N, C-alpha and C. Protein backbone atom coordinates (compact mmCIF):
# COMPACT_ATOMS: atom_id res chain seq x y z
N MET A 1 115.44 119.51 123.92
CA MET A 1 114.54 119.78 122.84
C MET A 1 115.18 119.31 121.52
N LEU A 2 114.39 118.65 120.68
CA LEU A 2 114.85 118.18 119.39
C LEU A 2 114.44 119.17 118.30
N ARG A 3 115.25 119.23 117.27
CA ARG A 3 114.87 120.01 116.11
C ARG A 3 115.59 119.45 114.89
N VAL A 4 114.96 119.62 113.77
CA VAL A 4 115.55 119.20 112.51
C VAL A 4 116.27 120.43 111.95
N ALA A 5 117.59 120.40 111.97
CA ALA A 5 118.38 121.55 111.53
C ALA A 5 118.54 121.58 110.02
N GLU A 6 118.81 120.44 109.43
CA GLU A 6 119.00 120.36 107.99
C GLU A 6 118.37 119.07 107.49
N VAL A 7 117.93 119.10 106.26
CA VAL A 7 117.36 117.92 105.64
C VAL A 7 118.01 117.74 104.28
N GLY A 8 118.40 116.53 104.01
CA GLY A 8 118.93 116.19 102.70
C GLY A 8 118.29 114.89 102.27
N LYS A 9 118.23 114.66 100.99
CA LYS A 9 117.72 113.37 100.53
C LYS A 9 118.46 112.98 99.26
N LEU A 10 118.73 111.71 99.18
CA LEU A 10 119.46 111.16 98.05
C LEU A 10 119.15 109.68 97.98
N THR A 11 119.01 109.16 96.81
CA THR A 11 118.79 107.74 96.65
C THR A 11 119.81 107.22 95.64
N ASP A 12 120.13 105.96 95.77
CA ASP A 12 121.15 105.36 94.93
C ASP A 12 120.68 103.97 94.50
N THR A 13 120.90 103.64 93.26
CA THR A 13 120.50 102.34 92.74
C THR A 13 121.27 101.21 93.41
N GLY A 14 122.47 101.47 93.81
CA GLY A 14 123.28 100.43 94.43
C GLY A 14 124.06 99.64 93.41
N ARG A 15 124.70 98.58 93.88
CA ARG A 15 125.59 97.81 93.02
C ARG A 15 124.92 96.61 92.37
N GLN A 16 123.73 96.23 92.85
CA GLN A 16 123.12 94.99 92.38
C GLN A 16 122.09 95.17 91.27
N ARG A 17 121.47 96.36 91.17
CA ARG A 17 120.35 96.53 90.26
C ARG A 17 120.58 97.65 89.26
N ARG A 18 119.87 97.55 88.15
CA ARG A 18 119.88 98.63 87.16
C ARG A 18 118.84 99.68 87.49
N ASP A 19 117.70 99.25 88.02
CA ASP A 19 116.59 100.14 88.28
C ASP A 19 116.53 100.52 89.75
N ASN A 20 116.17 101.75 90.01
CA ASN A 20 116.04 102.24 91.37
C ASN A 20 114.63 101.98 91.87
N GLU A 21 114.50 101.26 92.96
CA GLU A 21 113.20 100.93 93.53
C GLU A 21 112.94 101.71 94.82
N ASP A 22 113.73 102.76 95.06
CA ASP A 22 113.58 103.57 96.28
C ASP A 22 112.47 104.60 96.11
N SER A 23 111.78 104.87 97.20
CA SER A 23 110.82 105.96 97.28
C SER A 23 111.02 106.63 98.62
N MET A 24 110.72 107.94 98.68
CA MET A 24 110.87 108.62 99.96
C MET A 24 109.89 109.78 100.06
N PHE A 25 109.64 110.16 101.30
CA PHE A 25 108.83 111.32 101.61
C PHE A 25 109.57 112.07 102.71
N VAL A 26 109.87 113.33 102.45
CA VAL A 26 110.62 114.15 103.39
C VAL A 26 109.87 115.45 103.57
N SER A 27 109.22 115.59 104.71
CA SER A 27 108.51 116.81 105.04
C SER A 27 108.43 116.88 106.56
N SER A 28 109.37 117.62 107.15
CA SER A 28 109.45 117.69 108.60
C SER A 28 108.08 117.99 109.19
N PRO A 29 107.67 117.22 110.16
CA PRO A 29 108.42 116.35 111.06
C PRO A 29 108.45 114.88 110.66
N LEU A 30 108.00 114.53 109.44
CA LEU A 30 107.90 113.13 109.05
C LEU A 30 108.88 112.82 107.92
N PHE A 31 109.61 111.73 108.10
CA PHE A 31 110.63 111.30 107.14
C PHE A 31 110.43 109.81 106.87
N VAL A 32 110.30 109.45 105.59
CA VAL A 32 110.00 108.06 105.24
C VAL A 32 110.87 107.63 104.06
N VAL A 33 111.42 106.43 104.15
CA VAL A 33 112.14 105.84 103.03
C VAL A 33 111.67 104.39 102.89
N ALA A 34 111.49 103.99 101.63
CA ALA A 34 111.08 102.62 101.33
C ALA A 34 111.94 102.14 100.16
N ASP A 35 112.31 100.89 100.20
CA ASP A 35 113.14 100.30 99.16
C ASP A 35 112.45 99.03 98.68
N GLY A 36 111.96 99.07 97.43
CA GLY A 36 111.34 97.89 96.85
C GLY A 36 112.30 96.72 96.92
N MET A 37 111.76 95.56 97.21
CA MET A 37 112.61 94.40 97.41
C MET A 37 113.17 93.92 96.08
N GLY A 38 114.49 93.90 96.02
CA GLY A 38 115.19 93.45 94.82
C GLY A 38 114.84 92.02 94.51
N GLY A 39 114.59 91.78 93.26
CA GLY A 39 114.24 90.43 92.84
C GLY A 39 112.74 90.19 92.87
N ALA A 40 112.01 90.95 93.66
CA ALA A 40 110.56 90.81 93.69
C ALA A 40 109.97 91.67 92.57
N GLN A 41 108.91 91.18 91.97
CA GLN A 41 108.29 91.93 90.89
C GLN A 41 107.70 93.23 91.41
N ALA A 42 107.87 94.29 90.66
CA ALA A 42 107.24 95.58 90.93
C ALA A 42 107.63 96.17 92.28
N GLY A 43 108.88 96.00 92.67
CA GLY A 43 109.35 96.58 93.92
C GLY A 43 109.17 98.09 93.97
N GLU A 44 109.36 98.73 92.82
CA GLU A 44 109.20 100.19 92.78
C GLU A 44 107.74 100.58 93.02
N VAL A 45 106.79 99.76 92.58
CA VAL A 45 105.38 100.03 92.84
C VAL A 45 105.09 99.86 94.33
N ALA A 46 105.65 98.83 94.93
CA ALA A 46 105.44 98.59 96.36
C ALA A 46 106.01 99.74 97.20
N SER A 47 107.21 100.19 96.89
CA SER A 47 107.81 101.27 97.69
C SER A 47 107.04 102.57 97.50
N ARG A 48 106.63 102.86 96.28
CA ARG A 48 105.86 104.08 96.03
C ARG A 48 104.51 104.03 96.74
N THR A 49 103.85 102.88 96.71
CA THR A 49 102.56 102.71 97.37
C THR A 49 102.70 102.91 98.88
N ALA A 50 103.74 102.35 99.45
CA ALA A 50 103.96 102.50 100.90
C ALA A 50 104.16 103.95 101.28
N VAL A 51 104.98 104.66 100.52
CA VAL A 51 105.28 106.06 100.83
C VAL A 51 104.04 106.94 100.66
N GLU A 52 103.20 106.63 99.67
CA GLU A 52 101.98 107.42 99.45
C GLU A 52 101.09 107.45 100.69
N VAL A 53 101.09 106.37 101.46
CA VAL A 53 100.27 106.31 102.68
C VAL A 53 100.68 107.41 103.66
N PHE A 54 101.95 107.77 103.66
CA PHE A 54 102.48 108.73 104.62
C PHE A 54 102.42 110.18 104.15
N GLN A 55 102.08 110.41 102.90
CA GLN A 55 102.17 111.76 102.35
C GLN A 55 101.20 112.75 102.96
N GLY A 56 100.16 112.30 103.60
CA GLY A 56 99.25 113.21 104.29
C GLY A 56 99.67 113.52 105.71
N GLY A 57 100.79 112.96 106.13
CA GLY A 57 101.26 113.16 107.50
C GLY A 57 100.62 112.16 108.45
N VAL A 58 101.07 112.19 109.68
CA VAL A 58 100.53 111.29 110.71
C VAL A 58 99.17 111.84 111.13
N PRO A 59 98.14 111.03 111.03
CA PRO A 59 96.80 111.53 111.35
C PRO A 59 96.64 111.80 112.84
N ASP A 60 95.81 112.78 113.14
CA ASP A 60 95.43 113.00 114.53
C ASP A 60 94.53 111.85 114.95
N GLY A 61 94.43 111.62 116.22
CA GLY A 61 93.53 110.58 116.67
C GLY A 61 94.04 109.94 117.94
N PRO A 62 93.33 108.90 118.34
CA PRO A 62 93.72 108.22 119.58
C PRO A 62 95.02 107.45 119.39
N GLY A 63 95.67 107.19 120.50
CA GLY A 63 96.89 106.41 120.46
C GLY A 63 98.12 107.29 120.32
N SER A 64 99.24 106.71 120.63
CA SER A 64 100.52 107.41 120.54
C SER A 64 100.92 107.58 119.08
N VAL A 65 101.91 108.40 118.85
CA VAL A 65 102.44 108.56 117.49
C VAL A 65 102.94 107.21 116.98
N GLU A 66 103.60 106.44 117.85
CA GLU A 66 104.09 105.11 117.45
C GLU A 66 102.95 104.23 116.98
N GLU A 67 101.83 104.26 117.71
CA GLU A 67 100.69 103.43 117.34
C GLU A 67 100.08 103.90 116.02
N ARG A 68 100.03 105.19 115.81
CA ARG A 68 99.50 105.70 114.55
C ARG A 68 100.44 105.40 113.39
N LEU A 69 101.75 105.48 113.61
CA LEU A 69 102.70 105.07 112.57
C LEU A 69 102.54 103.58 112.24
N ALA A 70 102.38 102.77 113.27
CA ALA A 70 102.18 101.33 113.05
C ALA A 70 100.92 101.08 112.24
N GLY A 71 99.87 101.86 112.50
CA GLY A 71 98.65 101.74 111.72
C GLY A 71 98.86 102.11 110.26
N MET A 72 99.69 103.11 110.03
CA MET A 72 100.00 103.51 108.66
C MET A 72 100.80 102.43 107.94
N VAL A 73 101.70 101.78 108.65
CA VAL A 73 102.46 100.66 108.06
C VAL A 73 101.51 99.53 107.70
N ALA A 74 100.56 99.23 108.60
CA ALA A 74 99.58 98.19 108.32
C ALA A 74 98.73 98.55 107.10
N ASP A 75 98.35 99.82 106.99
CA ASP A 75 97.59 100.30 105.83
C ASP A 75 98.41 100.13 104.55
N ALA A 76 99.67 100.52 104.59
CA ALA A 76 100.55 100.36 103.43
C ALA A 76 100.65 98.89 103.03
N ASN A 77 100.82 98.02 104.02
CA ASN A 77 100.92 96.59 103.75
C ASN A 77 99.64 96.08 103.08
N ALA A 78 98.49 96.51 103.59
CA ALA A 78 97.21 96.07 103.02
C ALA A 78 97.07 96.54 101.57
N ARG A 79 97.46 97.76 101.30
CA ARG A 79 97.37 98.28 99.93
C ARG A 79 98.28 97.52 98.98
N ILE A 80 99.51 97.24 99.43
CA ILE A 80 100.46 96.50 98.60
C ILE A 80 99.96 95.09 98.36
N HIS A 81 99.46 94.45 99.40
CA HIS A 81 98.93 93.09 99.27
C HIS A 81 97.76 93.06 98.30
N ASP A 82 96.88 94.06 98.39
CA ASP A 82 95.73 94.14 97.48
C ASP A 82 96.19 94.29 96.03
N LEU A 83 97.13 95.20 95.79
CA LEU A 83 97.64 95.38 94.43
C LEU A 83 98.28 94.10 93.90
N ALA A 84 99.05 93.44 94.75
CA ALA A 84 99.74 92.22 94.33
C ALA A 84 98.77 91.09 94.04
N SER A 85 97.68 91.02 94.79
CA SER A 85 96.74 89.92 94.60
C SER A 85 95.84 90.15 93.38
N ARG A 86 95.71 91.39 92.91
CA ARG A 86 94.86 91.69 91.76
C ARG A 86 95.61 91.68 90.43
N ASP A 87 96.93 91.62 90.45
CA ASP A 87 97.71 91.73 89.22
C ASP A 87 98.86 90.73 89.26
N GLU A 88 98.80 89.75 88.37
CA GLU A 88 99.81 88.68 88.35
C GLU A 88 101.22 89.22 88.17
N GLU A 89 101.38 90.32 87.42
CA GLU A 89 102.70 90.89 87.20
C GLU A 89 103.27 91.54 88.47
N ARG A 90 102.42 91.78 89.46
CA ARG A 90 102.88 92.37 90.71
C ARG A 90 102.89 91.37 91.86
N ALA A 91 102.57 90.13 91.56
CA ALA A 91 102.56 89.09 92.59
C ALA A 91 103.93 89.00 93.25
N GLY A 92 103.95 88.99 94.55
CA GLY A 92 105.21 88.86 95.29
C GLY A 92 105.93 90.16 95.52
N MET A 93 105.37 91.29 95.07
CA MET A 93 106.09 92.55 95.28
C MET A 93 106.11 92.90 96.76
N GLY A 94 107.13 93.64 97.15
CA GLY A 94 107.26 94.03 98.55
C GLY A 94 108.24 95.18 98.69
N THR A 95 108.32 95.68 99.90
CA THR A 95 109.21 96.81 100.17
C THR A 95 109.63 96.81 101.63
N THR A 96 110.76 97.40 101.88
CA THR A 96 111.16 97.73 103.24
C THR A 96 110.60 99.12 103.53
N LEU A 97 110.58 99.53 104.78
CA LEU A 97 110.09 100.86 105.11
C LEU A 97 110.65 101.29 106.46
N THR A 98 111.13 102.51 106.52
CA THR A 98 111.52 103.12 107.78
C THR A 98 110.95 104.53 107.79
N ALA A 99 110.21 104.84 108.86
CA ALA A 99 109.61 106.16 109.00
C ALA A 99 110.00 106.72 110.37
N ALA A 100 110.28 108.01 110.40
CA ALA A 100 110.61 108.69 111.65
C ALA A 100 109.77 109.96 111.76
N TYR A 101 109.19 110.15 112.92
CA TYR A 101 108.43 111.36 113.21
C TYR A 101 109.18 112.07 114.34
N VAL A 102 109.66 113.28 114.05
CA VAL A 102 110.49 114.02 115.00
C VAL A 102 109.68 115.19 115.54
N ASP A 103 109.31 115.11 116.83
CA ASP A 103 108.63 116.27 117.43
C ASP A 103 109.60 116.97 118.37
N LEU A 104 109.11 117.89 119.17
CA LEU A 104 109.99 118.69 120.02
C LEU A 104 110.73 117.89 121.08
N HIS A 105 110.16 116.74 121.49
CA HIS A 105 110.73 116.02 122.62
C HIS A 105 111.13 114.57 122.31
N ASP A 106 110.57 114.00 121.26
CA ASP A 106 110.78 112.58 120.99
C ASP A 106 110.91 112.31 119.50
N VAL A 107 111.40 111.12 119.21
CA VAL A 107 111.40 110.59 117.85
C VAL A 107 110.65 109.27 117.89
N ALA A 108 109.64 109.15 117.06
CA ALA A 108 108.89 107.90 116.95
C ALA A 108 109.29 107.24 115.63
N VAL A 109 109.49 105.93 115.68
CA VAL A 109 110.00 105.21 114.51
C VAL A 109 109.11 104.01 114.20
N ALA A 110 108.86 103.81 112.91
CA ALA A 110 108.25 102.59 112.41
C ALA A 110 109.26 101.98 111.44
N HIS A 111 109.47 100.67 111.54
CA HIS A 111 110.56 100.07 110.78
C HIS A 111 110.22 98.63 110.40
N VAL A 112 110.37 98.32 109.11
CA VAL A 112 110.16 96.97 108.60
C VAL A 112 111.23 96.69 107.56
N GLY A 113 112.00 95.64 107.75
CA GLY A 113 113.00 95.26 106.76
C GLY A 113 114.38 95.74 107.10
N ASP A 114 115.15 96.14 106.08
CA ASP A 114 116.53 96.51 106.31
C ASP A 114 116.90 97.90 105.80
N SER A 115 115.90 98.76 105.62
CA SER A 115 116.20 100.18 105.39
C SER A 115 116.48 100.75 106.78
N ARG A 116 117.61 101.35 106.96
CA ARG A 116 118.06 101.70 108.31
C ARG A 116 117.81 103.15 108.69
N LEU A 117 117.69 103.36 109.99
CA LEU A 117 117.62 104.70 110.57
C LEU A 117 118.92 104.94 111.32
N TYR A 118 119.56 106.06 111.03
CA TYR A 118 120.79 106.46 111.70
C TYR A 118 120.59 107.82 112.34
N VAL A 119 121.36 108.07 113.38
CA VAL A 119 121.43 109.39 114.00
C VAL A 119 122.87 109.88 113.82
N LEU A 120 123.02 111.12 113.38
CA LEU A 120 124.33 111.73 113.27
C LEU A 120 124.53 112.57 114.52
N ARG A 121 125.48 112.16 115.36
CA ARG A 121 125.73 112.85 116.61
C ARG A 121 127.23 112.97 116.82
N ASP A 122 127.68 114.20 117.04
CA ASP A 122 129.10 114.47 117.28
C ASP A 122 129.98 113.90 116.16
N GLY A 123 129.49 114.03 114.93
CA GLY A 123 130.28 113.58 113.79
C GLY A 123 130.27 112.08 113.56
N ARG A 124 129.48 111.34 114.34
CA ARG A 124 129.42 109.88 114.20
C ARG A 124 128.01 109.44 113.83
N LEU A 125 127.92 108.47 112.91
CA LEU A 125 126.63 107.88 112.58
C LEU A 125 126.37 106.72 113.54
N GLU A 126 125.18 106.72 114.14
CA GLU A 126 124.78 105.65 115.04
C GLU A 126 123.54 104.97 114.46
N GLN A 127 123.64 103.67 114.18
CA GLN A 127 122.50 102.93 113.65
C GLN A 127 121.47 102.75 114.76
N ARG A 128 120.20 103.08 114.47
CA ARG A 128 119.14 103.04 115.48
C ARG A 128 118.10 101.97 115.24
N THR A 129 118.18 101.26 114.12
CA THR A 129 117.23 100.17 113.86
C THR A 129 118.00 98.88 113.63
N ASP A 130 117.35 97.78 113.88
CA ASP A 130 117.92 96.47 113.60
C ASP A 130 117.35 95.95 112.30
N ASP A 131 118.20 95.36 111.47
CA ASP A 131 117.74 94.79 110.21
C ASP A 131 116.84 93.59 110.48
N HIS A 132 115.70 93.57 109.82
CA HIS A 132 114.82 92.41 109.85
C HIS A 132 115.24 91.52 108.67
N SER A 133 116.33 90.83 108.86
CA SER A 133 116.89 89.99 107.79
C SER A 133 117.47 88.73 108.41
N LEU A 134 117.74 87.75 107.57
CA LEU A 134 118.35 86.52 108.03
C LEU A 134 119.68 86.80 108.72
N VAL A 135 120.53 87.58 108.06
CA VAL A 135 121.86 87.88 108.61
C VAL A 135 121.74 88.74 109.87
N GLY A 136 120.81 89.69 109.88
CA GLY A 136 120.59 90.50 111.08
C GLY A 136 120.22 89.64 112.28
N GLU A 137 119.39 88.63 112.05
CA GLU A 137 119.00 87.72 113.12
C GLU A 137 120.20 86.88 113.59
N LEU A 138 121.03 86.45 112.66
CA LEU A 138 122.22 85.67 113.03
C LEU A 138 123.18 86.51 113.88
N VAL A 139 123.30 87.79 113.57
CA VAL A 139 124.15 88.69 114.37
C VAL A 139 123.56 88.85 115.76
N ARG A 140 122.24 89.07 115.86
CA ARG A 140 121.59 89.23 117.18
C ARG A 140 121.76 87.99 118.04
N ARG A 141 121.77 86.82 117.42
CA ARG A 141 121.92 85.55 118.15
C ARG A 141 123.38 85.24 118.48
N GLY A 142 124.31 86.04 117.95
CA GLY A 142 125.72 85.81 118.20
C GLY A 142 126.33 84.75 117.29
N GLN A 143 125.61 84.34 116.25
CA GLN A 143 126.11 83.32 115.35
C GLN A 143 126.98 83.89 114.23
N LEU A 144 126.92 85.21 114.05
CA LEU A 144 127.76 85.91 113.07
C LEU A 144 128.23 87.20 113.72
N SER A 145 129.43 87.62 113.39
CA SER A 145 129.91 88.92 113.85
C SER A 145 129.40 89.99 112.88
N PRO A 146 129.32 91.24 113.31
CA PRO A 146 128.94 92.31 112.38
C PRO A 146 129.87 92.37 111.16
N GLU A 147 131.13 92.08 111.36
CA GLU A 147 132.09 92.10 110.25
C GLU A 147 131.79 90.97 109.25
N GLU A 148 131.44 89.79 109.76
CA GLU A 148 131.08 88.68 108.88
C GLU A 148 129.79 88.96 108.12
N ALA A 149 128.87 89.67 108.77
CA ALA A 149 127.57 89.96 108.16
C ALA A 149 127.72 90.81 106.91
N VAL A 150 128.69 91.71 106.89
CA VAL A 150 128.88 92.61 105.75
C VAL A 150 129.13 91.84 104.47
N GLU A 151 129.83 90.71 104.56
CA GLU A 151 130.19 89.93 103.36
C GLU A 151 129.38 88.65 103.19
N HIS A 152 128.43 88.40 104.08
CA HIS A 152 127.68 87.15 104.03
C HIS A 152 126.90 87.05 102.72
N PRO A 153 126.92 85.88 102.04
CA PRO A 153 126.23 85.76 100.76
C PRO A 153 124.71 85.90 100.85
N GLN A 154 124.13 85.75 102.04
CA GLN A 154 122.67 85.87 102.20
C GLN A 154 122.27 87.14 102.93
N ARG A 155 123.12 88.17 102.89
CA ARG A 155 122.86 89.39 103.64
C ARG A 155 121.65 90.17 103.16
N SER A 156 121.14 89.89 101.97
CA SER A 156 119.99 90.62 101.44
C SER A 156 118.66 89.91 101.63
N ILE A 157 118.69 88.76 102.26
CA ILE A 157 117.45 88.00 102.46
C ILE A 157 116.69 88.60 103.65
N ILE A 158 115.48 89.06 103.35
CA ILE A 158 114.65 89.68 104.40
C ILE A 158 113.63 88.67 104.87
């Protein structure tokens, strides 16, 4: 049986940007984090828009939780695309997104980009998602080692 024992949330601007483009929604059993894409216009708007889709929780209905989460990601994408196409200042905006739904027996995950999902087990963090990035793909293909990926100059390209 799974349970959420403790919940914490923290966001950090990081080393590359002055402005924080992170958004999150934390309300057990649903946990969502989105990071506006650095360098893209209005990344903070994109991440906030994506997270807003999840604030009502996972809707009841047909399909598995995974399928409903995927539908919510598609809805978020459509809303962001619509906002970007109607406002020149938001053209090209985007966000990463990772959502986890934790019920009594399973964890369902929706993941786009390089915001990661980790599990803390026995004092160790275990990464549970793969980065949808250029460098992540090179690591999966065996063309880069994980150690090389950490310092690769194109590690932020999604």
